[in-house]
């Protein structure tokens, strides 16, 4: 588990992080998002011990990173966004070097290398020079070094950057396997990754936390989330105005002749299925025929665009935080 408490980072007179706090639990994947320049990479470097915070604490598996950096860093696997690879080394030599840096040797090192190669599908490039690899294979080599020592916490900065669709699926599967015994943080600008692997979301803008909660709660910030859209063969307004469990958002005429009706509504307190049932029953009791039904789900890109907007006030953004 990684717990970040009230982290500030200042460069000269500029604050890159402003009181950032969050927790990454074992067995879960936290998606860390924000626009360019929001402070994501700075936060990643701090919680991995690459740079110190100006103030605040990071607790890694019960160890205070400020007080015992080495012991805390031993509990972390880190994939930087632009992970360096040593030219002149092949894949095998690089992984052996990284394993040695982690204190692995002999049979333990060979076993760790074999498992990492298997999980990251590197068999075909073991003897190739690192500088000759594609961007996708370079990312997989860097991920292999991050998991060799079986860390209790894994921090991945843009883990699928440069990968093709098949490789992305492989990395997502690997993250699902790792989460069983680790806390995983995935920093990404690809919202597809949030949908695919993350349980919770941390969003920052300008160094401030603007959302912290479950992926479902993040999606629900889209005003269209949960909206029910139904089309009927005739226009009849009155039966739908008095439904106790339905909030009627709009009722419009449609169709070529203007005789059809489109209803936009949402549930009031209950489930969407209950609201749909109420609408269908009201329509059926009044002889209306259902022509179409859509239950809308929030779009992550819409929520992200709203939270990341420079014009959005800090207080308004912080009101979206769920503890």
C-alpha atoms as a PDB file:
ATOM      1  CA  UNK A   1       0.000   0.000   0.000  1.00  0.00           C
ATOM      2  CA  UNK A   2       1.143   3.551  -0.743  1.00  0.00           C
ATOM      3  CA  UNK A   3      -0.202   6.461   1.275  1.00  0.00           C
ATOM      4  CA  UNK A   4       0.556  10.034   0.213  1.00  0.00           C
ATOM      5  CA  UNK A   5      -0.126  12.719   2.822  1.00  0.00           C
ATOM      6  CA  UNK A   6      -0.332  16.424   1.964  1.00  0.00           C
ATOM      7  CA  UNK A   7       2.523  16.510  -0.531  1.00  0.00           C
ATOM      8  CA  UNK A   8       3.835  19.862  -1.751  1.00  0.00           C
ATOM      9  CA  UNK A   9       6.575  20.344  -4.334  1.00  0.00           C
ATOM     10  CA  UNK A  10       7.982  23.759  -5.128  1.00  0.00           C
ATOM     11  CA  UNK A  11      10.415  24.729  -7.881  1.00  0.00           C
ATOM     12  CA  UNK A  12      11.601  28.216  -7.101  1.00  0.00           C
ATOM     13  CA  UNK A  13       8.433  30.253  -6.763  1.00  0.00           C
ATOM     14  CA  UNK A  14       6.240  27.732  -8.577  1.00  0.00           C
ATOM     15  CA  UNK A  15       4.235  25.004  -6.847  1.00  0.00           C
ATOM     16  CA  UNK A  16       4.092  21.821  -8.939  1.00  0.00           C
ATOM     17  CA  UNK A  17       2.032  19.984  -6.288  1.00  0.00           C
ATOM     18  CA  UNK A  18      -0.309  21.565  -3.768  1.00  0.00           C
ATOM     19  CA  UNK A  19      -1.292  19.402  -0.800  1.00  0.00           C
ATOM     20  CA  UNK A  20      -1.770  16.166  -2.742  1.00  0.00           C
ATOM     21  CA  UNK A  21      -3.119  13.224  -0.701  1.00  0.00           C
ATOM     22  CA  UNK A  22      -4.319   9.763  -1.743  1.00  0.00           C
ATOM     23  CA  UNK A  23      -3.978   6.055  -0.984  1.00  0.00           C
ATOM     24  CA  UNK A  24      -3.280   3.142  -3.323  1.00  0.00           C
ATOM     25  CA  UNK A  25      -4.595  -0.024  -1.679  1.00  0.00           C
ATOM     26  CA  UNK A  26      -3.256  -3.550  -2.121  1.00  0.00           C
ATOM     27  CA  UNK A  27      -5.319  -5.490  -4.635  1.00  0.00           C
ATOM     28  CA  UNK A  28      -6.424  -2.377  -6.503  1.00  0.00           C
ATOM     29  CA  UNK A  29      -5.405  -0.232  -9.465  1.00  0.00           C
ATOM     30  CA  UNK A  30      -5.478   3.551  -9.108  1.00  0.00           C
ATOM     31  CA  UNK A  31      -5.654   5.566 -12.323  1.00  0.00           C
ATOM     32  CA  UNK A  32      -3.757   8.853 -12.086  1.00  0.00           C
ATOM     33  CA  UNK A  33      -4.786  11.408 -14.707  1.00  0.00           C
ATOM     34  CA  UNK A  34      -4.429  15.078 -15.502  1.00  0.00           C
ATOM     35  CA  UNK A  35      -3.600  17.409 -18.404  1.00  0.00           C
ATOM     36  CA  UNK A  36      -0.015  18.048 -19.473  1.00  0.00           C
ATOM     37  CA  UNK A  37       1.803  20.032 -16.807  1.00  0.00           C
ATOM     38  CA  UNK A  38      -0.645  19.009 -14.067  1.00  0.00           C
ATOM     39  CA  UNK A  39       2.102  17.504 -11.892  1.00  0.00           C
ATOM     40  CA  UNK A  40       1.638  13.783 -12.581  1.00  0.00           C
ATOM     41  CA  UNK A  41       5.262  12.969 -13.384  1.00  0.00           C
ATOM     42  CA  UNK A  42       6.468  15.038 -10.425  1.00  0.00           C
ATOM     43  CA  UNK A  43       4.151  13.063  -8.143  1.00  0.00           C
ATOM     44  CA  UNK A  44       5.372   9.766  -9.614  1.00  0.00           C
ATOM     45  CA  UNK A  45       9.001  10.688  -9.005  1.00  0.00           C
ATOM     46  CA  UNK A  46       8.305  11.733  -5.427  1.00  0.00           C
ATOM     47  CA  UNK A  47       6.426   8.615  -4.397  1.00  0.00           C
ATOM     48  CA  UNK A  48       9.116   6.435  -5.974  1.00  0.00           C
ATOM     49  CA  UNK A  49      11.891   8.243  -4.092  1.00  0.00           C
ATOM     50  CA  UNK A  50      13.486   9.763  -7.186  1.00  0.00           C
ATOM     51  CA  UNK A  51      13.076  13.268  -5.739  1.00  0.00           C
ATOM     52  CA  UNK A  52      12.033  14.550  -2.306  1.00  0.00           C
ATOM     53  CA  UNK A  53       8.880  16.580  -1.665  1.00  0.00           C
ATOM     54  CA  UNK A  54       9.130  20.103  -0.350  1.00  0.00           C
ATOM     55  CA  UNK A  55       6.836  18.949   2.466  1.00  0.00           C
ATOM     56  CA  UNK A  56       4.487  16.073   3.236  1.00  0.00           C
ATOM     57  CA  UNK A  57       5.026  12.327   3.625  1.00  0.00           C
ATOM     58  CA  UNK A  58       4.901   9.171   1.530  1.00  0.00           C
ATOM     59  CA  UNK A  59       4.373   5.847   3.325  1.00  0.00           C
ATOM     60  CA  UNK A  60       5.280   2.762   1.293  1.00  0.00           C
ATOM     61  CA  UNK A  61       4.206  -0.577   2.791  1.00  0.00           C
ATOM     62  CA  UNK A  62       4.389   1.004   6.235  1.00  0.00           C
ATOM     63  CA  UNK A  63       7.806   2.617   5.651  1.00  0.00           C
ATOM     64  CA  UNK A  64       8.236   6.396   5.682  1.00  0.00           C
ATOM     65  CA  UNK A  65      10.006   7.231   2.428  1.00  0.00           C
ATOM     66  CA  UNK A  66      11.535  10.384   3.934  1.00  0.00           C
ATOM     67  CA  UNK A  67      13.054   8.458   6.855  1.00  0.00           C
ATOM     68  CA  UNK A  68      14.207   5.234   5.159  1.00  0.00           C
ATOM     69  CA  UNK A  69      14.285   5.835   1.422  1.00  0.00           C
ATOM     70  CA  UNK A  70      16.176   2.667   0.510  1.00  0.00           C
ATOM     71  CA  UNK A  71      13.894   0.286   2.413  1.00  0.00           C
ATOM     72  CA  UNK A  72      10.802   1.988   0.978  1.00  0.00           C
ATOM     73  CA  UNK A  73      12.147   1.927  -2.581  1.00  0.00           C
ATOM     74  CA  UNK A  74      12.810  -1.796  -2.302  1.00  0.00           C
ATOM     75  CA  UNK A  75       9.031  -2.210  -2.027  1.00  0.00           C
ATOM     76  CA  UNK A  76       8.368  -0.365  -5.300  1.00  0.00           C
ATOM     77  CA  UNK A  77       8.599  -1.284  -8.957  1.00  0.00           C
ATOM     78  CA  UNK A  78       8.771   1.800 -11.172  1.00  0.00           C
ATOM     79  CA  UNK A  79       8.231   2.228 -14.897  1.00  0.00           C
ATOM     80  CA  UNK A  80       9.100   5.852 -15.795  1.00  0.00           C
ATOM     81  CA  UNK A  81       7.444   7.547 -18.752  1.00  0.00           C
ATOM     82  CA  UNK A  82      10.743   7.846 -20.625  1.00  0.00           C
ATOM     83  CA  UNK A  83      12.622   4.954 -19.103  1.00  0.00           C
ATOM     84  CA  UNK A  84      16.317   4.956 -20.058  1.00  0.00           C
ATOM     85  CA  UNK A  85      17.793   1.949 -21.807  1.00  0.00           C
ATOM     86  CA  UNK A  86      21.530   1.459 -22.043  1.00  0.00           C
ATOM     87  CA  UNK A  87      22.785   1.381 -25.617  1.00  0.00           C
ATOM     88  CA  UNK A  88      25.261  -1.396 -26.278  1.00  0.00           C
ATOM     89  CA  UNK A  89      23.355  -3.877 -24.097  1.00  0.00           C
ATOM     90  CA  UNK A  90      21.019  -6.562 -25.317  1.00  0.00           C
ATOM     91  CA  UNK A  91      17.791  -7.408 -23.500  1.00  0.00           C
ATOM     92  CA  UNK A  92      19.280 -10.259 -21.469  1.00  0.00           C
ATOM     93  CA  UNK A  93      22.234  -8.196 -20.299  1.00  0.00           C
ATOM     94  CA  UNK A  94      20.008  -5.277 -19.341  1.00  0.00           C
ATOM     95  CA  UNK A  95      17.637  -7.402 -17.286  1.00  0.00           C
ATOM     96  CA  UNK A  96      20.546  -9.147 -15.592  1.00  0.00           C
ATOM     97  CA  UNK A  97      22.049  -5.751 -14.759  1.00  0.00           C
ATOM     98  CA  UNK A  98      18.744  -4.448 -13.363  1.00  0.00           C
ATOM     99  CA  UNK A  99      18.240  -7.603 -11.326  1.00  0.00           C
ATOM    100  CA  UNK A 100      21.703  -7.220  -9.845  1.00  0.00           C
ATOM    101  CA  UNK A 101      20.860  -3.630  -8.908  1.00  0.00           C
ATOM    102  CA  UNK A 102      17.883  -5.044  -7.007  1.00  0.00           C
ATOM    103  CA  UNK A 103      20.110  -7.411  -5.061  1.00  0.00           C
ATOM    104  CA  UNK A 104      19.250 -10.545  -7.046  1.00  0.00           C
ATOM    105  CA  UNK A 105      21.977 -13.051  -7.890  1.00  0.00           C
ATOM    106  CA  UNK A 106      22.515 -16.644  -8.966  1.00  0.00           C
ATOM    107  CA  UNK A 107      19.460 -18.849  -9.311  1.00  0.00           C
ATOM    108  CA  UNK A 108      17.164 -16.161  -7.859  1.00  0.00           C
ATOM    109  CA  UNK A 109      18.259 -13.750 -10.571  1.00  0.00           C
ATOM    110  CA  UNK A 110      17.838 -16.281 -13.370  1.00  0.00           C
ATOM    111  CA  UNK A 111      14.400 -17.282 -12.058  1.00  0.00           C
ATOM    112  CA  UNK A 112      13.300 -13.653 -11.739  1.00  0.00           C
ATOM    113  CA  UNK A 113      14.510 -12.893 -15.266  1.00  0.00           C
ATOM    114  CA  UNK A 114      12.694 -15.924 -16.655  1.00  0.00           C
ATOM    115  CA  UNK A 115       9.401 -14.935 -15.019  1.00  0.00           C
ATOM    116  CA  UNK A 116       9.667 -11.320 -16.174  1.00  0.00           C
ATOM    117  CA  UNK A 117      10.510 -12.378 -19.728  1.00  0.00           C
ATOM    118  CA  UNK A 118       7.540 -14.752 -19.735  1.00  0.00           C
ATOM    119  CA  UNK A 119       5.084 -12.174 -18.419  1.00  0.00           C
ATOM    120  CA  UNK A 120       6.248  -9.442 -20.802  1.00  0.00           C
ATOM    121  CA  UNK A 121       6.566 -11.759 -23.835  1.00  0.00           C
ATOM    122  CA  UNK A 122      10.216 -10.982 -24.564  1.00  0.00           C
ATOM    123  CA  UNK A 123      11.457 -14.410 -25.691  1.00  0.00           C
ATOM    124  CA  UNK A 124      11.942 -13.359 -29.308  1.00  0.00           C
ATOM    125  CA  UNK A 125      14.143 -10.340 -28.533  1.00  0.00           C
ATOM    126  CA  UNK A 126      16.368 -11.578 -25.689  1.00  0.00           C
ATOM    127  CA  UNK A 127      19.555 -11.266 -27.740  1.00  0.00           C
ATOM    128  CA  UNK A 128      18.683  -8.077 -29.605  1.00  0.00           C
ATOM    129  CA  UNK A 129      20.349  -4.761 -28.891  1.00  0.00           C
ATOM    130  CA  UNK A 130      18.126  -2.389 -26.912  1.00  0.00           C
ATOM    131  CA  UNK A 131      18.621   0.469 -29.371  1.00  0.00           C
ATOM    132  CA  UNK A 132      17.351  -1.742 -32.208  1.00  0.00           C
ATOM    133  CA  UNK A 133      14.026  -2.525 -30.521  1.00  0.00           C
ATOM    134  CA  UNK A 134      10.705  -0.973 -31.463  1.00  0.00           C
ATOM    135  CA  UNK A 135       9.137   1.468 -29.022  1.00  0.00           C
ATOM    136  CA  UNK A 136       6.641  -1.193 -27.978  1.00  0.00           C
ATOM    137  CA  UNK A 137       9.331  -3.734 -27.114  1.00  0.00           C
ATOM    138  CA  UNK A 138      11.318  -1.088 -25.254  1.00  0.00           C
ATOM    139  CA  UNK A 139       8.304  -0.418 -23.046  1.00  0.00           C
ATOM    140  CA  UNK A 140       7.934  -4.131 -22.375  1.00  0.00           C
ATOM    141  CA  UNK A 141      11.620  -4.462 -21.461  1.00  0.00           C
ATOM    142  CA  UNK A 142      11.280  -1.543 -19.053  1.00  0.00           C
ATOM    143  CA  UNK A 143       8.180  -3.096 -17.527  1.00  0.00           C
ATOM    144  CA  UNK A 144      10.048  -6.382 -17.094  1.00  0.00           C
ATOM    145  CA  UNK A 145      12.758  -4.663 -15.025  1.00  0.00           C
ATOM    146  CA  UNK A 146      10.064  -3.038 -12.869  1.00  0.00           C
ATOM    147  CA  UNK A 147       8.508  -6.364 -11.847  1.00  0.00           C
ATOM    148  CA  UNK A 148      11.591  -8.581 -11.566  1.00  0.00           C
ATOM    149  CA  UNK A 149      11.851  -8.256  -7.781  1.00  0.00           C
ATOM    150  CA  UNK A 150       8.103  -8.883  -7.274  1.00  0.00           C
ATOM    151  CA  UNK A 151       7.414  -5.511  -5.662  1.00  0.00           C
ATOM    152  CA  UNK A 152       4.560  -4.958  -3.233  1.00  0.00           C
ATOM    153  CA  UNK A 153       3.772  -1.703  -5.065  1.00  0.00           C
ATOM    154  CA  UNK A 154       3.984  -0.955  -8.761  1.00  0.00           C
ATOM    155  CA  UNK A 155       4.020   2.538 -10.267  1.00  0.00           C
ATOM    156  CA  UNK A 156       3.526   2.688 -14.029  1.00  0.00           C
ATOM    157  CA  UNK A 157       3.899   5.971 -15.917  1.00  0.00           C
ATOM    158  CA  UNK A 158       2.220   5.589 -19.341  1.00  0.00           C
ATOM    159  CA  UNK A 159       2.647   1.770 -19.427  1.00  0.00           C
ATOM    160  CA  UNK A 160       0.983   1.213 -22.828  1.00  0.00           C
ATOM    161  CA  UNK A 161       2.506   4.179 -24.643  1.00  0.00           C
ATOM    162  CA  UNK A 162       3.626   3.044 -28.094  1.00  0.00           C
ATOM    163  CA  UNK A 163       2.054  -0.420 -27.894  1.00  0.00           C
ATOM    164  CA  UNK A 164      -0.219  -1.933 -30.515  1.00  0.00           C
ATOM    165  CA  UNK A 165      -3.716  -3.178 -29.523  1.00  0.00           C
ATOM    166  CA  UNK A 166      -2.556  -6.755 -28.885  1.00  0.00           C
ATOM    167  CA  UNK A 167       0.339  -5.594 -26.742  1.00  0.00           C
ATOM    168  CA  UNK A 168      -1.974  -3.292 -24.776  1.00  0.00           C
ATOM    169  CA  UNK A 169      -4.241  -6.232 -23.974  1.00  0.00           C
ATOM    170  CA  UNK A 170      -1.221  -8.228 -22.805  1.00  0.00           C
ATOM    171  CA  UNK A 171      -0.100  -5.421 -20.480  1.00  0.00           C
ATOM    172  CA  UNK A 172      -3.625  -5.044 -19.079  1.00  0.00           C
ATOM    173  CA  UNK A 173      -3.744  -8.765 -18.389  1.00  0.00           C
ATOM    174  CA  UNK A 174      -0.384  -8.496 -16.657  1.00  0.00           C
ATOM    175  CA  UNK A 175      -1.621  -5.596 -14.504  1.00  0.00           C
ATOM    176  CA  UNK A 176      -4.634  -7.693 -13.500  1.00  0.00           C
ATOM    177  CA  UNK A 177      -2.276 -10.475 -12.401  1.00  0.00           C
ATOM    178  CA  UNK A 178       0.019  -8.126 -10.478  1.00  0.00           C
ATOM    179  CA  UNK A 179      -2.830  -6.425  -8.614  1.00  0.00           C
ATOM    180  CA  UNK A 180      -3.592  -9.677  -6.787  1.00  0.00           C
ATOM    181  CA  UNK A 181      -0.595  -9.114  -4.515  1.00  0.00           C
ATOM    182  CA  UNK A 182       0.309  -5.458  -5.106  1.00  0.00           C
ATOM    183  CA  UNK A 183      -0.955  -1.901  -5.085  1.00  0.00           C
ATOM    184  CA  UNK A 184      -0.761  -0.546  -8.629  1.00  0.00           C
ATOM    185  CA  UNK A 185      -0.747   3.091  -9.741  1.00  0.00           C
ATOM    186  CA  UNK A 186      -1.161   3.788 -13.450  1.00  0.00           C
ATOM    187  CA  UNK A 187      -0.439   7.314 -14.631  1.00  0.00           C
ATOM    188  CA  UNK A 188      -1.893   7.788 -18.093  1.00  0.00           C
ATOM    189  CA  UNK A 189      -3.408  10.254 -20.527  1.00  0.00           C
ATOM    190  CA  UNK A 190      -5.267   7.416 -22.278  1.00  0.00           C
ATOM    191  CA  UNK A 191      -8.707   7.268 -20.686  1.00  0.00           C
ATOM    192  CA  UNK A 192      -9.253   3.882 -22.287  1.00  0.00           C
ATOM    193  CA  UNK A 193      -6.769   2.537 -19.738  1.00  0.00           C
ATOM    194  CA  UNK A 194      -8.872   3.877 -16.858  1.00  0.00           C
ATOM    195  CA  UNK A 195     -11.864   1.952 -18.173  1.00  0.00           C
ATOM    196  CA  UNK A 196      -9.861  -1.189 -18.818  1.00  0.00           C
ATOM    197  CA  UNK A 197      -7.894  -1.716 -15.596  1.00  0.00           C
ATOM    198  CA  UNK A 198      -8.605   0.864 -12.875  1.00  0.00           C
ATOM    199  CA  UNK A 199     -10.865   0.604  -9.819  1.00  0.00           C
ATOM    200  CA  UNK A 200     -10.409   4.224  -8.768  1.00  0.00           C
ATOM    201  CA  UNK A 201      -9.336   7.546 -10.229  1.00  0.00           C
ATOM    202  CA  UNK A 202      -7.189  10.407  -8.996  1.00  0.00           C
ATOM    203  CA  UNK A 203      -7.364  13.518 -11.191  1.00  0.00           C
ATOM    204  CA  UNK A 204      -5.151  16.556 -10.695  1.00  0.00           C
ATOM    205  CA  UNK A 205      -4.915  19.948 -12.359  1.00  0.00           C
ATOM    206  CA  UNK A 206      -2.327  22.618 -11.642  1.00  0.00           C
ATOM    207  CA  UNK A 207      -0.937  20.488  -8.824  1.00  0.00           C
ATOM    208  CA  UNK A 208      -4.320  20.322  -7.043  1.00  0.00           C
ATOM    209  CA  UNK A 209      -6.457  17.232  -6.591  1.00  0.00           C
ATOM    210  CA  UNK A 210      -9.738  17.780  -8.434  1.00  0.00           C
ATOM    211  CA  UNK A 211     -11.228  14.277  -8.191  1.00  0.00           C
ATOM    212  CA  UNK A 212     -10.574  11.220  -6.030  1.00  0.00           C
ATOM    213  CA  UNK A 213     -13.027   8.329  -6.029  1.00  0.00           C
ATOM    214  CA  UNK A 214     -14.136   5.183  -7.830  1.00  0.00           C
ATOM    215  CA  UNK A 215     -14.147   4.861 -11.602  1.00  0.00           C
ATOM    216  CA  UNK A 216     -17.944   4.592 -11.473  1.00  0.00           C
ATOM    217  CA  UNK A 217     -18.168   7.844  -9.509  1.00  0.00           C
ATOM    218  CA  UNK A 218     -15.857   9.533 -12.014  1.00  0.00           C
ATOM    219  CA  UNK A 219     -18.031   8.412 -14.926  1.00  0.00           C
ATOM    220  CA  UNK A 220     -21.150   9.609 -13.118  1.00  0.00           C
ATOM    221  CA  UNK A 221     -19.838  13.208 -13.255  1.00  0.00           C
ATOM    222  CA  UNK A 222     -20.893  13.319 -16.905  1.00  0.00           C
ATOM    223  CA  UNK A 223     -24.312  15.047 -16.931  1.00  0.00           C
ATOM    224  CA  UNK A 224     -25.474  12.470 -19.474  1.00  0.00           C
ATOM    225  CA  UNK A 225     -24.659   9.525 -17.217  1.00  0.00           C
ATOM    226  CA  UNK A 226     -27.790   7.598 -16.329  1.00  0.00           C
ATOM    227  CA  UNK A 227     -30.016   9.500 -18.753  1.00  0.00           C
ATOM    228  CA  UNK A 228     -32.794   7.385 -20.262  1.00  0.00           C
ATOM    229  CA  UNK A 229     -33.869   8.210 -23.809  1.00  0.00           C
ATOM    230  CA  UNK A 230     -37.107   6.622 -25.090  1.00  0.00           C
ATOM    231  CA  UNK A 231     -39.007   7.107 -28.345  1.00  0.00           C
ATOM    232  CA  UNK A 232     -42.735   6.447 -28.779  1.00  0.00           C
ATOM    233  CA  UNK A 233     -45.020   6.385 -31.797  1.00  0.00           C
ATOM    234  CA  UNK A 234     -47.264   9.210 -30.599  1.00  0.00           C
ATOM    235  CA  UNK A 235     -47.017  12.387 -28.556  1.00  0.00           C
ATOM    236  CA  UNK A 236     -48.759  12.214 -25.186  1.00  0.00           C
ATOM    237  CA  UNK A 237     -47.300  14.290 -22.384  1.00  0.00           C
ATOM    238  CA  UNK A 238     -49.542  13.969 -19.340  1.00  0.00           C
ATOM    239  CA  UNK A 239     -48.900  10.312 -18.270  1.00  0.00           C
ATOM    240  CA  UNK A 240     -45.194  11.008 -17.743  1.00  0.00           C
ATOM    241  CA  UNK A 241     -45.464  14.217 -15.723  1.00  0.00           C
ATOM    242  CA  UNK A 242     -46.609  12.574 -12.481  1.00  0.00           C
ATOM    243  CA  UNK A 243     -44.293   9.542 -12.158  1.00  0.00           C
ATOM    244  CA  UNK A 244     -42.886   9.577  -8.605  1.00  0.00           C
ATOM    245  CA  UNK A 245     -39.612   7.742  -9.366  1.00  0.00           C
ATOM    246  CA  UNK A 246     -38.738   9.521 -12.617  1.00  0.00           C
ATOM    247  CA  UNK A 247     -37.230  12.955 -13.252  1.00  0.00           C
ATOM    248  CA  UNK A 248     -38.478  14.154 -16.626  1.00  0.00           C
ATOM    249  CA  UNK A 249     -35.682  16.139 -18.302  1.00  0.00           C
ATOM    250  CA  UNK A 250     -37.191  16.790 -21.723  1.00  0.00           C
ATOM    251  CA  UNK A 251     -40.149  15.756 -23.828  1.00  0.00           C
ATOM    252  CA  UNK A 252     -39.980  16.555 -27.542  1.00  0.00           C
ATOM    253  CA  UNK A 253     -41.861  15.921 -30.739  1.00  0.00           C
ATOM    254  CA  UNK A 254     -40.058  14.006 -33.483  1.00  0.00           C
ATOM    255  CA  UNK A 255     -40.402  11.878 -36.572  1.00  0.00           C
ATOM    256  CA  UNK A 256     -41.094  13.037 -40.115  1.00  0.00           C
ATOM    257  CA  UNK A 257     -44.618  14.176 -39.317  1.00  0.00           C
ATOM    258  CA  UNK A 258     -43.828  15.382 -35.800  1.00  0.00           C
ATOM    259  CA  UNK A 259     -46.203  12.874 -34.247  1.00  0.00           C
ATOM    260  CA  UNK A 260     -43.539  10.769 -32.491  1.00  0.00           C
ATOM    261  CA  UNK A 261     -42.293  11.594 -28.990  1.00  0.00           C
ATOM    262  CA  UNK A 262     -38.812  11.456 -27.454  1.00  0.00           C
ATOM    263  CA  UNK A 263     -38.454  11.460 -23.675  1.00  0.00           C
ATOM    264  CA  UNK A 264     -35.219  12.190 -21.801  1.00  0.00           C
ATOM    265  CA  UNK A 265     -35.411  11.229 -18.133  1.00  0.00           C
ATOM    266  CA  UNK A 266     -33.450   9.833 -15.227  1.00  0.00           C
ATOM    267  CA  UNK A 267     -34.195   7.853 -12.105  1.00  0.00           C
ATOM    268  CA  UNK A 268     -35.085   9.673  -8.892  1.00  0.00           C
ATOM    269  CA  UNK A 269     -33.266   7.750  -6.161  1.00  0.00           C
ATOM    270  CA  UNK A 270     -33.957   4.244  -7.460  1.00  0.00           C
ATOM    271  CA  UNK A 271     -32.343   2.175 -10.180  1.00  0.00           C
ATOM    272  CA  UNK A 272     -32.442   3.022 -13.889  1.00  0.00           C
ATOM    273  CA  UNK A 273     -34.282  -0.243 -14.552  1.00  0.00           C
ATOM    274  CA  UNK A 274     -37.066   0.818 -12.164  1.00  0.00           C
ATOM    275  CA  UNK A 275     -37.383   4.153 -13.941  1.00  0.00           C
ATOM    276  CA  UNK A 276     -37.506   2.438 -17.328  1.00  0.00           C
ATOM    277  CA  UNK A 277     -40.223   0.109 -16.054  1.00  0.00           C
ATOM    278  CA  UNK A 278     -42.291   3.079 -14.820  1.00  0.00           C
ATOM    279  CA  UNK A 279     -41.972   4.853 -18.167  1.00  0.00           C
ATOM    280  CA  UNK A 280     -42.844   1.729 -20.154  1.00  0.00           C
ATOM    281  CA  UNK A 281     -45.853   0.961 -17.938  1.00  0.00           C
ATOM    282  CA  UNK A 282     -47.156   4.522 -18.274  1.00  0.00           C
ATOM    283  CA  UNK A 283     -46.765   4.349 -22.041  1.00  0.00           C
ATOM    284  CA  UNK A 284     -48.435   0.936 -22.312  1.00  0.00           C
ATOM    285  CA  UNK A 285     -51.381   2.033 -20.146  1.00  0.00           C
ATOM    286  CA  UNK A 286     -51.998   4.868 -22.602  1.00  0.00           C
ATOM    287  CA  UNK A 287     -51.600   2.871 -25.801  1.00  0.00           C
ATOM    288  CA  UNK A 288     -48.159   4.159 -26.797  1.00  0.00           C
ATOM    289  CA  UNK A 289     -45.755   1.922 -28.710  1.00  0.00           C
ATOM    290  CA  UNK A 290     -42.072   1.955 -27.756  1.00  0.00           C
ATOM    291  CA  UNK A 291     -39.842   2.647 -30.785  1.00  0.00           C
ATOM    292  CA  UNK A 292     -36.442   2.945 -29.136  1.00  0.00           C
ATOM    293  CA  UNK A 293     -34.655   2.853 -25.789  1.00  0.00           C
ATOM    294  CA  UNK A 294     -31.180   3.983 -24.734  1.00  0.00           C
ATOM    295  CA  UNK A 295     -29.656   4.127 -21.262  1.00  0.00           C
ATOM    296  CA  UNK A 296     -26.648   6.402 -21.461  1.00  0.00           C
ATOM    297  CA  UNK A 297     -23.382   5.880 -19.651  1.00  0.00           C
ATOM    298  CA  UNK A 298     -21.028   8.734 -18.807  1.00  0.00           C
ATOM    299  CA  UNK A 299     -18.063   9.345 -21.099  1.00  0.00           C
ATOM    300  CA  UNK A 300     -14.720   9.586 -19.317  1.00  0.00           C
ATOM    301  CA  UNK A 301     -13.353  12.025 -21.877  1.00  0.00           C
ATOM    302  CA  UNK A 302     -16.214  14.436 -21.200  1.00  0.00           C
ATOM    303  CA  UNK A 303     -15.593  14.305 -17.458  1.00  0.00           C
ATOM    304  CA  UNK A 304     -11.856  14.707 -17.920  1.00  0.00           C
ATOM    305  CA  UNK A 305     -12.275  17.672 -20.263  1.00  0.00           C
ATOM    306  CA  UNK A 306     -14.523  19.360 -17.718  1.00  0.00           C
ATOM    307  CA  UNK A 307     -12.211  18.766 -14.750  1.00  0.00           C
ATOM    308  CA  UNK A 308      -9.111  19.734 -16.734  1.00  0.00           C
ATOM    309  CA  UNK A 309     -10.605  22.957 -18.064  1.00  0.00           C
ATOM    310  CA  UNK A 310      -8.476  25.976 -17.060  1.00  0.00           C
ATOM    311  CA  UNK A 311     -11.668  27.970 -16.584  1.00  0.00           C
ATOM    312  CA  UNK A 312     -13.025  25.628 -13.943  1.00  0.00           C
ATOM    313  CA  UNK A 313     -12.797  27.092 -10.463  1.00  0.00           C
ATOM    314  CA  UNK A 314     -10.767  25.245  -7.826  1.00  0.00           C
ATOM    315  CA  UNK A 315     -13.649  25.131  -5.341  1.00  0.00           C
ATOM    316  CA  UNK A 316     -15.983  23.754  -7.983  1.00  0.00           C
ATOM    317  CA  UNK A 317     -13.478  21.065  -8.928  1.00  0.00           C
ATOM    318  CA  UNK A 318     -12.813  20.080  -5.322  1.00  0.00           C
ATOM    319  CA  UNK A 319     -16.546  19.575  -4.790  1.00  0.00           C
ATOM    320  CA  UNK A 320     -16.207  16.495  -7.018  1.00  0.00           C
ATOM    321  CA  UNK A 321     -13.837  14.753  -4.615  1.00  0.00           C
ATOM    322  CA  UNK A 322     -15.227  11.623  -2.958  1.00  0.00           C
ATOM    323  CA  UNK A 323     -13.524  10.285   0.149  1.00  0.00           C
END
